[in-house]
Amino acid sequence: MNDELWARVAGYLGAHHTMTIATVAPGGNVPHAACVFYAVDDALRLVFLSKPDSVHGTHIGKAAPVAVTVTETYDDWEMIQGVQLWGEARLLSGATKARAFTLYLGRFPFVRDLMERPGLTETLRRIGVYRIVPQKIAFTDNSTGVFGREILRTAAE
């Protein structure tokens, strides 16, 4: 494993807050993309919250393959940086869900305030906590050269 690349990917994911997740319905061929906040753990697993009855939530069900991008807007293509990630998204439950939710709250403490708002308490109680286990990660850094891209393979692959 490339420790330097791992650190660069971890730093990039830690410095950003939103990802675009792409899913496909089971047995389907129409992709769907959604932008969500995420938290990242030490194993580069991404945690996000969503309604299980959202389009991507129904596509994932209990577990499904997904693709993710994390980037920002650039005006100069030579400055583009970003992460592409392929893996499996899983709807969490029990103690695993609680630990992942705690990680998410650590990154987004405003969610605690939302939990106390009238009308949102029940919605947040039913919210799904998902974790994406990466199988392959690509880090693009065009500042290192034309189409600069490195691949990080994870233990989950």
N, C-alpha and C. Protein backbone atom coordinates (compact mmCIF):
# COMPACT_ATOMS: atom_id res chain seq x y z
N MET A 1 0.84 -1.18 0.00
CA MET A 1 0.00 0.00 0.00
C MET A 1 0.88 1.25 0.00
N ASN A 2 0.45 2.24 -0.70
CA ASN A 2 1.19 3.49 -0.83
C ASN A 2 0.77 4.43 0.31
N ASP A 3 1.59 4.51 1.37
CA ASP A 3 1.25 5.33 2.54
C ASP A 3 1.15 6.82 2.21
N GLU A 4 2.01 7.29 1.30
CA GLU A 4 1.98 8.72 0.93
C GLU A 4 0.67 9.05 0.22
N LEU A 5 0.25 8.20 -0.71
CA LEU A 5 -1.01 8.42 -1.41
C LEU A 5 -2.19 8.32 -0.45
N TRP A 6 -2.13 7.34 0.46
CA TRP A 6 -3.18 7.19 1.47
C TRP A 6 -3.34 8.50 2.26
N ALA A 7 -2.22 9.08 2.67
CA ALA A 7 -2.25 10.32 3.45
C ALA A 7 -2.81 11.48 2.63
N ARG A 8 -2.47 11.55 1.35
CA ARG A 8 -2.98 12.62 0.49
C ARG A 8 -4.49 12.49 0.30
N VAL A 9 -4.96 11.26 0.10
CA VAL A 9 -6.40 11.03 -0.06
C VAL A 9 -7.12 11.36 1.24
N ALA A 10 -6.59 10.90 2.37
CA ALA A 10 -7.20 11.18 3.68
C ALA A 10 -7.25 12.68 3.93
N GLY A 11 -6.19 13.39 3.60
CA GLY A 11 -6.16 14.84 3.77
C GLY A 11 -7.19 15.54 2.90
N TYR A 12 -7.31 15.09 1.66
CA TYR A 12 -8.27 15.70 0.75
C TYR A 12 -9.70 15.45 1.23
N LEU A 13 -9.99 14.20 1.60
CA LEU A 13 -11.34 13.88 2.08
C LEU A 13 -11.65 14.63 3.37
N GLY A 14 -10.66 14.79 4.23
CA GLY A 14 -10.86 15.51 5.48
C GLY A 14 -11.08 17.00 5.29
N ALA A 15 -10.58 17.55 4.20
CA ALA A 15 -10.69 18.98 3.94
C ALA A 15 -11.99 19.36 3.22
N HIS A 16 -12.74 18.37 2.77
CA HIS A 16 -13.98 18.64 2.04
C HIS A 16 -15.16 18.05 2.81
N HIS A 17 -16.36 18.43 2.43
CA HIS A 17 -17.54 18.04 3.20
C HIS A 17 -18.65 17.38 2.39
N THR A 18 -18.64 17.56 1.07
CA THR A 18 -19.71 17.00 0.26
C THR A 18 -19.17 16.03 -0.78
N MET A 19 -19.97 15.03 -1.03
CA MET A 19 -19.63 14.05 -2.06
C MET A 19 -20.85 13.87 -2.96
N THR A 20 -20.58 13.48 -4.17
CA THR A 20 -21.65 13.07 -5.07
C THR A 20 -21.60 11.55 -5.13
N ILE A 21 -22.74 10.94 -4.81
CA ILE A 21 -22.82 9.48 -4.81
C ILE A 21 -23.69 9.05 -5.99
N ALA A 22 -23.21 8.06 -6.73
CA ALA A 22 -23.94 7.53 -7.88
C ALA A 22 -24.39 6.11 -7.56
N THR A 23 -25.67 5.85 -7.83
CA THR A 23 -26.26 4.54 -7.58
C THR A 23 -27.04 4.11 -8.81
N VAL A 24 -27.41 2.84 -8.83
CA VAL A 24 -28.28 2.30 -9.87
C VAL A 24 -29.28 1.38 -9.17
N ALA A 25 -30.53 1.44 -9.60
CA ALA A 25 -31.55 0.57 -9.02
C ALA A 25 -31.18 -0.89 -9.24
N PRO A 26 -31.48 -1.76 -8.28
CA PRO A 26 -31.22 -3.18 -8.49
C PRO A 26 -31.89 -3.67 -9.78
N GLY A 27 -31.11 -4.29 -10.64
CA GLY A 27 -31.62 -4.78 -11.91
C GLY A 27 -31.91 -3.68 -12.92
N GLY A 28 -31.58 -2.45 -12.56
CA GLY A 28 -31.88 -1.32 -13.44
C GLY A 28 -30.68 -0.88 -14.24
N ASN A 29 -30.92 0.08 -15.10
CA ASN A 29 -29.83 0.62 -15.90
C ASN A 29 -29.84 2.14 -15.94
N VAL A 30 -30.66 2.76 -15.09
CA VAL A 30 -30.72 4.23 -15.04
C VAL A 30 -29.97 4.69 -13.79
N PRO A 31 -28.84 5.37 -13.97
CA PRO A 31 -28.08 5.84 -12.81
C PRO A 31 -28.75 7.03 -12.15
N HIS A 32 -28.41 7.23 -10.90
CA HIS A 32 -28.90 8.36 -10.12
C HIS A 32 -27.72 8.95 -9.35
N ALA A 33 -27.65 10.26 -9.25
CA ALA A 33 -26.58 10.91 -8.49
C ALA A 33 -27.19 11.87 -7.49
N ALA A 34 -26.57 11.94 -6.31
CA ALA A 34 -27.02 12.86 -5.26
C ALA A 34 -25.81 13.41 -4.53
N CYS A 35 -25.93 14.64 -4.07
CA CYS A 35 -24.86 15.28 -3.32
C CYS A 35 -25.24 15.26 -1.84
N VAL A 36 -24.33 14.76 -0.99
CA VAL A 36 -24.60 14.64 0.45
C VAL A 36 -23.35 15.04 1.24
N PHE A 37 -23.56 15.47 2.47
CA PHE A 37 -22.45 15.66 3.41
C PHE A 37 -21.92 14.28 3.81
N TYR A 38 -20.64 14.21 4.13
CA TYR A 38 -20.06 12.94 4.58
C TYR A 38 -19.04 13.20 5.68
N ALA A 39 -18.77 12.17 6.44
CA ALA A 39 -17.65 12.13 7.38
C ALA A 39 -16.76 10.98 6.93
N VAL A 40 -15.48 11.05 7.26
CA VAL A 40 -14.54 10.00 6.85
C VAL A 40 -13.82 9.47 8.08
N ASP A 41 -13.64 8.15 8.14
CA ASP A 41 -12.91 7.57 9.27
C ASP A 41 -11.47 7.24 8.87
N ASP A 42 -10.72 6.66 9.79
CA ASP A 42 -9.30 6.36 9.54
C ASP A 42 -9.07 5.31 8.46
N ALA A 43 -10.10 4.53 8.13
CA ALA A 43 -9.99 3.52 7.09
C ALA A 43 -10.48 4.05 5.74
N LEU A 44 -10.70 5.37 5.65
CA LEU A 44 -11.20 6.04 4.45
C LEU A 44 -12.61 5.59 4.09
N ARG A 45 -13.35 5.10 5.09
CA ARG A 45 -14.76 4.78 4.87
C ARG A 45 -15.57 6.07 5.05
N LEU A 46 -16.53 6.27 4.18
CA LEU A 46 -17.34 7.48 4.20
C LEU A 46 -18.69 7.19 4.85
N VAL A 47 -19.11 8.06 5.74
CA VAL A 47 -20.39 7.93 6.43
C VAL A 47 -21.29 9.08 6.00
N PHE A 48 -22.52 8.76 5.67
CA PHE A 48 -23.48 9.81 5.32
C PHE A 48 -24.86 9.44 5.84
N LEU A 49 -25.71 10.44 5.93
CA LEU A 49 -27.08 10.25 6.39
C LEU A 49 -28.02 10.46 5.21
N SER A 50 -29.09 9.70 5.17
CA SER A 50 -30.09 9.89 4.13
C SER A 50 -31.36 9.15 4.52
N LYS A 51 -32.44 9.57 3.93
CA LYS A 51 -33.70 8.85 4.13
C LYS A 51 -33.62 7.52 3.38
N PRO A 52 -33.96 6.42 4.03
CA PRO A 52 -33.95 5.14 3.33
C PRO A 52 -34.90 5.08 2.14
N ASP A 53 -35.93 5.96 2.12
CA ASP A 53 -36.85 5.96 0.99
C ASP A 53 -36.49 6.99 -0.09
N SER A 54 -35.29 7.63 0.03
CA SER A 54 -34.81 8.49 -1.05
C SER A 54 -34.45 7.60 -2.24
N VAL A 55 -34.24 8.19 -3.39
CA VAL A 55 -33.90 7.39 -4.57
C VAL A 55 -32.62 6.59 -4.31
N HIS A 56 -31.55 7.26 -3.86
CA HIS A 56 -30.31 6.51 -3.63
C HIS A 56 -30.46 5.55 -2.45
N GLY A 57 -31.27 5.90 -1.46
CA GLY A 57 -31.52 4.99 -0.34
C GLY A 57 -32.19 3.70 -0.79
N THR A 58 -33.18 3.82 -1.68
CA THR A 58 -33.84 2.61 -2.19
C THR A 58 -32.90 1.83 -3.11
N HIS A 59 -32.05 2.52 -3.85
CA HIS A 59 -31.08 1.82 -4.69
C HIS A 59 -30.11 1.02 -3.83
N ILE A 60 -29.68 1.59 -2.72
CA ILE A 60 -28.71 0.91 -1.85
C ILE A 60 -29.38 -0.22 -1.08
N GLY A 61 -30.61 0.01 -0.60
CA GLY A 61 -31.26 -1.01 0.23
C GLY A 61 -30.40 -1.27 1.45
N LYS A 62 -30.06 -2.52 1.70
CA LYS A 62 -29.16 -2.85 2.81
C LYS A 62 -27.69 -2.75 2.39
N ALA A 63 -27.40 -2.98 1.10
CA ALA A 63 -26.02 -2.88 0.60
C ALA A 63 -26.06 -2.88 -0.93
N ALA A 64 -25.18 -2.06 -1.53
CA ALA A 64 -25.11 -2.01 -2.99
C ALA A 64 -23.81 -1.34 -3.42
N PRO A 65 -23.34 -1.65 -4.62
CA PRO A 65 -22.16 -0.96 -5.15
C PRO A 65 -22.50 0.49 -5.48
N VAL A 66 -21.54 1.39 -5.25
CA VAL A 66 -21.71 2.81 -5.53
C VAL A 66 -20.42 3.37 -6.09
N ALA A 67 -20.53 4.54 -6.67
CA ALA A 67 -19.36 5.34 -7.07
C ALA A 67 -19.53 6.71 -6.43
N VAL A 68 -18.41 7.32 -6.07
CA VAL A 68 -18.43 8.60 -5.36
C VAL A 68 -17.38 9.52 -5.97
N THR A 69 -17.69 10.81 -6.01
CA THR A 69 -16.68 11.81 -6.32
C THR A 69 -16.69 12.89 -5.24
N VAL A 70 -15.51 13.39 -4.94
CA VAL A 70 -15.34 14.52 -4.03
C VAL A 70 -14.41 15.49 -4.75
N THR A 71 -14.89 16.68 -4.99
CA THR A 71 -14.09 17.69 -5.68
C THR A 71 -14.68 19.06 -5.39
N GLU A 72 -14.16 20.05 -6.02
CA GLU A 72 -14.71 21.40 -5.91
C GLU A 72 -14.74 22.00 -7.30
N THR A 73 -15.19 23.21 -7.43
CA THR A 73 -15.29 23.87 -8.73
C THR A 73 -13.95 24.52 -9.08
N TYR A 74 -13.50 24.27 -10.30
CA TYR A 74 -12.23 24.84 -10.78
C TYR A 74 -12.47 25.61 -12.06
N ASP A 75 -11.72 26.68 -12.25
CA ASP A 75 -11.75 27.44 -13.49
C ASP A 75 -10.59 27.05 -14.41
N ASP A 76 -9.58 26.42 -13.86
CA ASP A 76 -8.38 26.04 -14.60
C ASP A 76 -8.22 24.52 -14.51
N TRP A 77 -8.34 23.81 -15.63
CA TRP A 77 -8.30 22.36 -15.60
C TRP A 77 -6.97 21.83 -15.08
N GLU A 78 -5.90 22.60 -15.19
CA GLU A 78 -4.60 22.14 -14.69
C GLU A 78 -4.54 22.15 -13.16
N MET A 79 -5.52 22.74 -12.51
CA MET A 79 -5.54 22.79 -11.04
C MET A 79 -6.51 21.77 -10.44
N ILE A 80 -7.23 21.04 -11.28
CA ILE A 80 -8.24 20.10 -10.78
C ILE A 80 -7.61 19.06 -9.86
N GLN A 81 -8.25 18.88 -8.73
CA GLN A 81 -7.93 17.81 -7.79
C GLN A 81 -9.25 17.17 -7.39
N GLY A 82 -9.20 15.92 -7.01
CA GLY A 82 -10.42 15.27 -6.54
C GLY A 82 -10.22 13.79 -6.32
N VAL A 83 -11.21 13.22 -5.68
CA VAL A 83 -11.20 11.80 -5.37
C VAL A 83 -12.37 11.14 -6.08
N GLN A 84 -12.08 10.01 -6.72
CA GLN A 84 -13.11 9.11 -7.22
C GLN A 84 -12.98 7.84 -6.38
N LEU A 85 -14.11 7.28 -6.02
CA LEU A 85 -14.08 6.11 -5.14
C LEU A 85 -15.15 5.14 -5.59
N TRP A 86 -14.81 3.86 -5.59
CA TRP A 86 -15.75 2.79 -5.90
C TRP A 86 -15.78 1.85 -4.72
N GLY A 87 -16.97 1.45 -4.33
CA GLY A 87 -17.07 0.55 -3.18
C GLY A 87 -18.50 0.12 -2.96
N GLU A 88 -18.75 -0.30 -1.72
CA GLU A 88 -20.07 -0.77 -1.36
C GLU A 88 -20.64 0.13 -0.26
N ALA A 89 -21.87 0.60 -0.46
CA ALA A 89 -22.58 1.36 0.56
C ALA A 89 -23.45 0.39 1.35
N ARG A 90 -23.46 0.57 2.66
CA ARG A 90 -24.25 -0.30 3.53
C ARG A 90 -25.09 0.54 4.48
N LEU A 91 -26.34 0.16 4.64
CA LEU A 91 -27.21 0.76 5.65
C LEU A 91 -26.85 0.12 6.98
N LEU A 92 -26.49 0.95 7.95
CA LEU A 92 -25.99 0.44 9.23
C LEU A 92 -27.11 0.28 10.25
N SER A 93 -26.84 -0.56 11.25
CA SER A 93 -27.79 -0.74 12.35
C SER A 93 -27.00 -1.03 13.63
N GLY A 94 -27.71 -0.96 14.75
CA GLY A 94 -27.13 -1.32 16.04
C GLY A 94 -25.95 -0.46 16.44
N ALA A 95 -24.97 -1.11 17.07
CA ALA A 95 -23.78 -0.41 17.59
C ALA A 95 -22.96 0.20 16.46
N THR A 96 -22.91 -0.46 15.31
CA THR A 96 -22.16 0.07 14.17
C THR A 96 -22.78 1.38 13.70
N LYS A 97 -24.10 1.43 13.67
CA LYS A 97 -24.81 2.66 13.30
C LYS A 97 -24.51 3.76 14.32
N ALA A 98 -24.54 3.43 15.60
CA ALA A 98 -24.29 4.42 16.65
C ALA A 98 -22.88 5.00 16.54
N ARG A 99 -21.89 4.15 16.29
CA ARG A 99 -20.51 4.64 16.16
C ARG A 99 -20.36 5.53 14.93
N ALA A 100 -20.95 5.12 13.83
CA ALA A 100 -20.88 5.92 12.60
C ALA A 100 -21.60 7.25 12.78
N PHE A 101 -22.73 7.25 13.46
CA PHE A 101 -23.47 8.48 13.70
C PHE A 101 -22.67 9.42 14.59
N THR A 102 -21.97 8.87 15.57
CA THR A 102 -21.10 9.67 16.44
C THR A 102 -19.99 10.32 15.62
N LEU A 103 -19.39 9.58 14.70
CA LEU A 103 -18.37 10.14 13.80
C LEU A 103 -18.96 11.29 12.99
N TYR A 104 -20.16 11.09 12.46
CA TYR A 104 -20.82 12.11 11.66
C TYR A 104 -21.11 13.36 12.50
N LEU A 105 -21.61 13.17 13.71
CA LEU A 105 -21.89 14.30 14.60
C LEU A 105 -20.62 15.06 14.96
N GLY A 106 -19.50 14.34 15.06
CA GLY A 106 -18.23 15.01 15.33
C GLY A 106 -17.84 15.95 14.22
N ARG A 107 -18.19 15.61 13.00
CA ARG A 107 -17.87 16.47 11.85
C ARG A 107 -18.91 17.55 11.63
N PHE A 108 -20.17 17.22 11.95
CA PHE A 108 -21.28 18.15 11.71
C PHE A 108 -22.10 18.32 12.98
N PRO A 109 -21.57 19.07 13.95
CA PRO A 109 -22.27 19.22 15.23
C PRO A 109 -23.63 19.91 15.11
N PHE A 110 -23.88 20.63 14.02
CA PHE A 110 -25.18 21.28 13.85
C PHE A 110 -26.33 20.28 13.79
N VAL A 111 -26.02 19.01 13.47
CA VAL A 111 -27.06 17.99 13.40
C VAL A 111 -27.68 17.76 14.79
N ARG A 112 -26.87 17.92 15.84
CA ARG A 112 -27.41 17.82 17.21
C ARG A 112 -28.51 18.85 17.43
N ASP A 113 -28.28 20.07 16.95
CA ASP A 113 -29.29 21.12 17.08
C ASP A 113 -30.55 20.77 16.29
N LEU A 114 -30.37 20.19 15.11
CA LEU A 114 -31.52 19.79 14.31
C LEU A 114 -32.36 18.74 15.02
N MET A 115 -31.69 17.87 15.78
CA MET A 115 -32.39 16.80 16.48
C MET A 115 -33.34 17.34 17.55
N GLU A 116 -33.11 18.56 17.98
CA GLU A 116 -33.95 19.15 19.02
C GLU A 116 -35.07 20.03 18.47
N ARG A 117 -35.09 20.23 17.17
CA ARG A 117 -36.13 21.07 16.57
C ARG A 117 -37.45 20.30 16.49
N PRO A 118 -38.54 20.95 16.89
CA PRO A 118 -39.84 20.31 16.74
C PRO A 118 -40.09 19.95 15.27
N GLY A 119 -40.62 18.79 15.05
CA GLY A 119 -40.90 18.35 13.69
C GLY A 119 -39.76 17.62 13.03
N LEU A 120 -38.54 17.85 13.48
CA LEU A 120 -37.40 17.15 12.87
C LEU A 120 -36.95 15.94 13.70
N THR A 121 -37.35 15.89 14.95
CA THR A 121 -36.93 14.80 15.83
C THR A 121 -37.29 13.45 15.25
N GLU A 122 -38.53 13.30 14.82
CA GLU A 122 -38.99 12.02 14.27
C GLU A 122 -38.30 11.72 12.95
N THR A 123 -38.14 12.72 12.11
CA THR A 123 -37.45 12.53 10.82
C THR A 123 -36.03 12.02 11.05
N LEU A 124 -35.31 12.66 11.97
CA LEU A 124 -33.93 12.25 12.23
C LEU A 124 -33.85 10.90 12.93
N ARG A 125 -34.87 10.54 13.66
CA ARG A 125 -34.88 9.23 14.30
C ARG A 125 -34.96 8.12 13.24
N ARG A 126 -35.64 8.42 12.14
CA ARG A 126 -35.82 7.42 11.08
C ARG A 126 -34.73 7.51 10.00
N ILE A 127 -33.83 8.45 10.14
CA ILE A 127 -32.82 8.66 9.09
C ILE A 127 -31.90 7.44 9.00
N GLY A 128 -31.49 7.13 7.80
CA GLY A 128 -30.55 6.04 7.60
C GLY A 128 -29.12 6.53 7.76
N VAL A 129 -28.30 5.73 8.41
CA VAL A 129 -26.87 6.00 8.52
C VAL A 129 -26.18 4.98 7.63
N TYR A 130 -25.43 5.47 6.66
CA TYR A 130 -24.79 4.63 5.65
C TYR A 130 -23.28 4.76 5.75
N ARG A 131 -22.60 3.68 5.40
CA ARG A 131 -21.13 3.73 5.33
C ARG A 131 -20.70 3.12 4.01
N ILE A 132 -19.80 3.81 3.35
CA ILE A 132 -19.24 3.31 2.10
C ILE A 132 -17.86 2.74 2.39
N VAL A 133 -17.69 1.47 2.08
CA VAL A 133 -16.40 0.80 2.23
C VAL A 133 -15.72 0.83 0.87
N PRO A 134 -14.62 1.58 0.75
CA PRO A 134 -13.98 1.72 -0.56
C PRO A 134 -13.24 0.45 -0.98
N GLN A 135 -13.31 0.16 -2.27
CA GLN A 135 -12.54 -0.93 -2.84
C GLN A 135 -11.39 -0.40 -3.70
N LYS A 136 -11.65 0.73 -4.34
CA LYS A 136 -10.62 1.37 -5.17
C LYS A 136 -10.84 2.87 -5.08
N ILE A 137 -9.74 3.61 -4.96
CA ILE A 137 -9.81 5.06 -4.88
C ILE A 137 -8.83 5.64 -5.89
N ALA A 138 -9.29 6.63 -6.64
CA ALA A 138 -8.41 7.34 -7.56
C ALA A 138 -8.28 8.78 -7.07
N PHE A 139 -7.05 9.25 -7.00
CA PHE A 139 -6.80 10.64 -6.63
C PHE A 139 -6.28 11.36 -7.85
N THR A 140 -7.02 12.37 -8.30
CA THR A 140 -6.62 13.17 -9.44
C THR A 140 -5.98 14.45 -8.94
N ASP A 141 -4.82 14.78 -9.49
CA ASP A 141 -4.14 16.02 -9.14
C ASP A 141 -3.46 16.53 -10.41
N ASN A 142 -4.20 17.31 -11.18
CA ASN A 142 -3.66 17.82 -12.44
C ASN A 142 -2.53 18.81 -12.25
N SER A 143 -2.32 19.29 -11.02
CA SER A 143 -1.20 20.20 -10.78
C SER A 143 0.13 19.46 -10.88
N THR A 144 0.10 18.13 -10.84
CA THR A 144 1.33 17.33 -10.95
C THR A 144 1.66 16.97 -12.39
N GLY A 145 0.78 17.30 -13.31
CA GLY A 145 0.99 16.98 -14.72
C GLY A 145 -0.34 16.75 -15.39
N VAL A 146 -0.30 16.66 -16.69
CA VAL A 146 -1.52 16.47 -17.46
C VAL A 146 -2.19 15.16 -17.05
N PHE A 147 -3.44 15.27 -16.65
CA PHE A 147 -4.24 14.12 -16.23
C PHE A 147 -3.55 13.31 -15.14
N GLY A 148 -2.96 14.01 -14.16
CA GLY A 148 -2.29 13.35 -13.04
C GLY A 148 -3.28 12.55 -12.22
N ARG A 149 -3.12 11.25 -12.19
CA ARG A 149 -4.06 10.38 -11.48
C ARG A 149 -3.31 9.18 -10.92
N GLU A 150 -3.57 8.91 -9.64
CA GLU A 150 -2.98 7.75 -8.98
C GLU A 150 -4.09 6.90 -8.40
N ILE A 151 -3.89 5.59 -8.41
CA ILE A 151 -4.88 4.64 -7.90
C ILE A 151 -4.42 4.07 -6.58
N LEU A 152 -5.35 4.06 -5.63
CA LEU A 152 -5.11 3.47 -4.31
C LEU A 152 -6.05 2.28 -4.16
N ARG A 153 -5.48 1.13 -4.01
CA ARG A 153 -6.29 -0.08 -3.81
C ARG A 153 -6.35 -0.33 -2.31
N THR A 154 -7.54 -0.63 -1.82
CA THR A 154 -7.72 -0.82 -0.39
C THR A 154 -7.76 -2.31 -0.06
N ALA A 155 -7.68 -2.59 1.23
CA ALA A 155 -7.72 -3.98 1.70
C ALA A 155 -9.08 -4.60 1.41
N ALA A 156 -10.12 -3.76 1.26
CA ALA A 156 -11.47 -4.27 1.01
C ALA A 156 -11.63 -4.81 -0.41
N GLU A 157 -10.68 -4.50 -1.29
CA GLU A 157 -10.79 -4.89 -2.70
C GLU A 157 -10.60 -6.39 -2.87
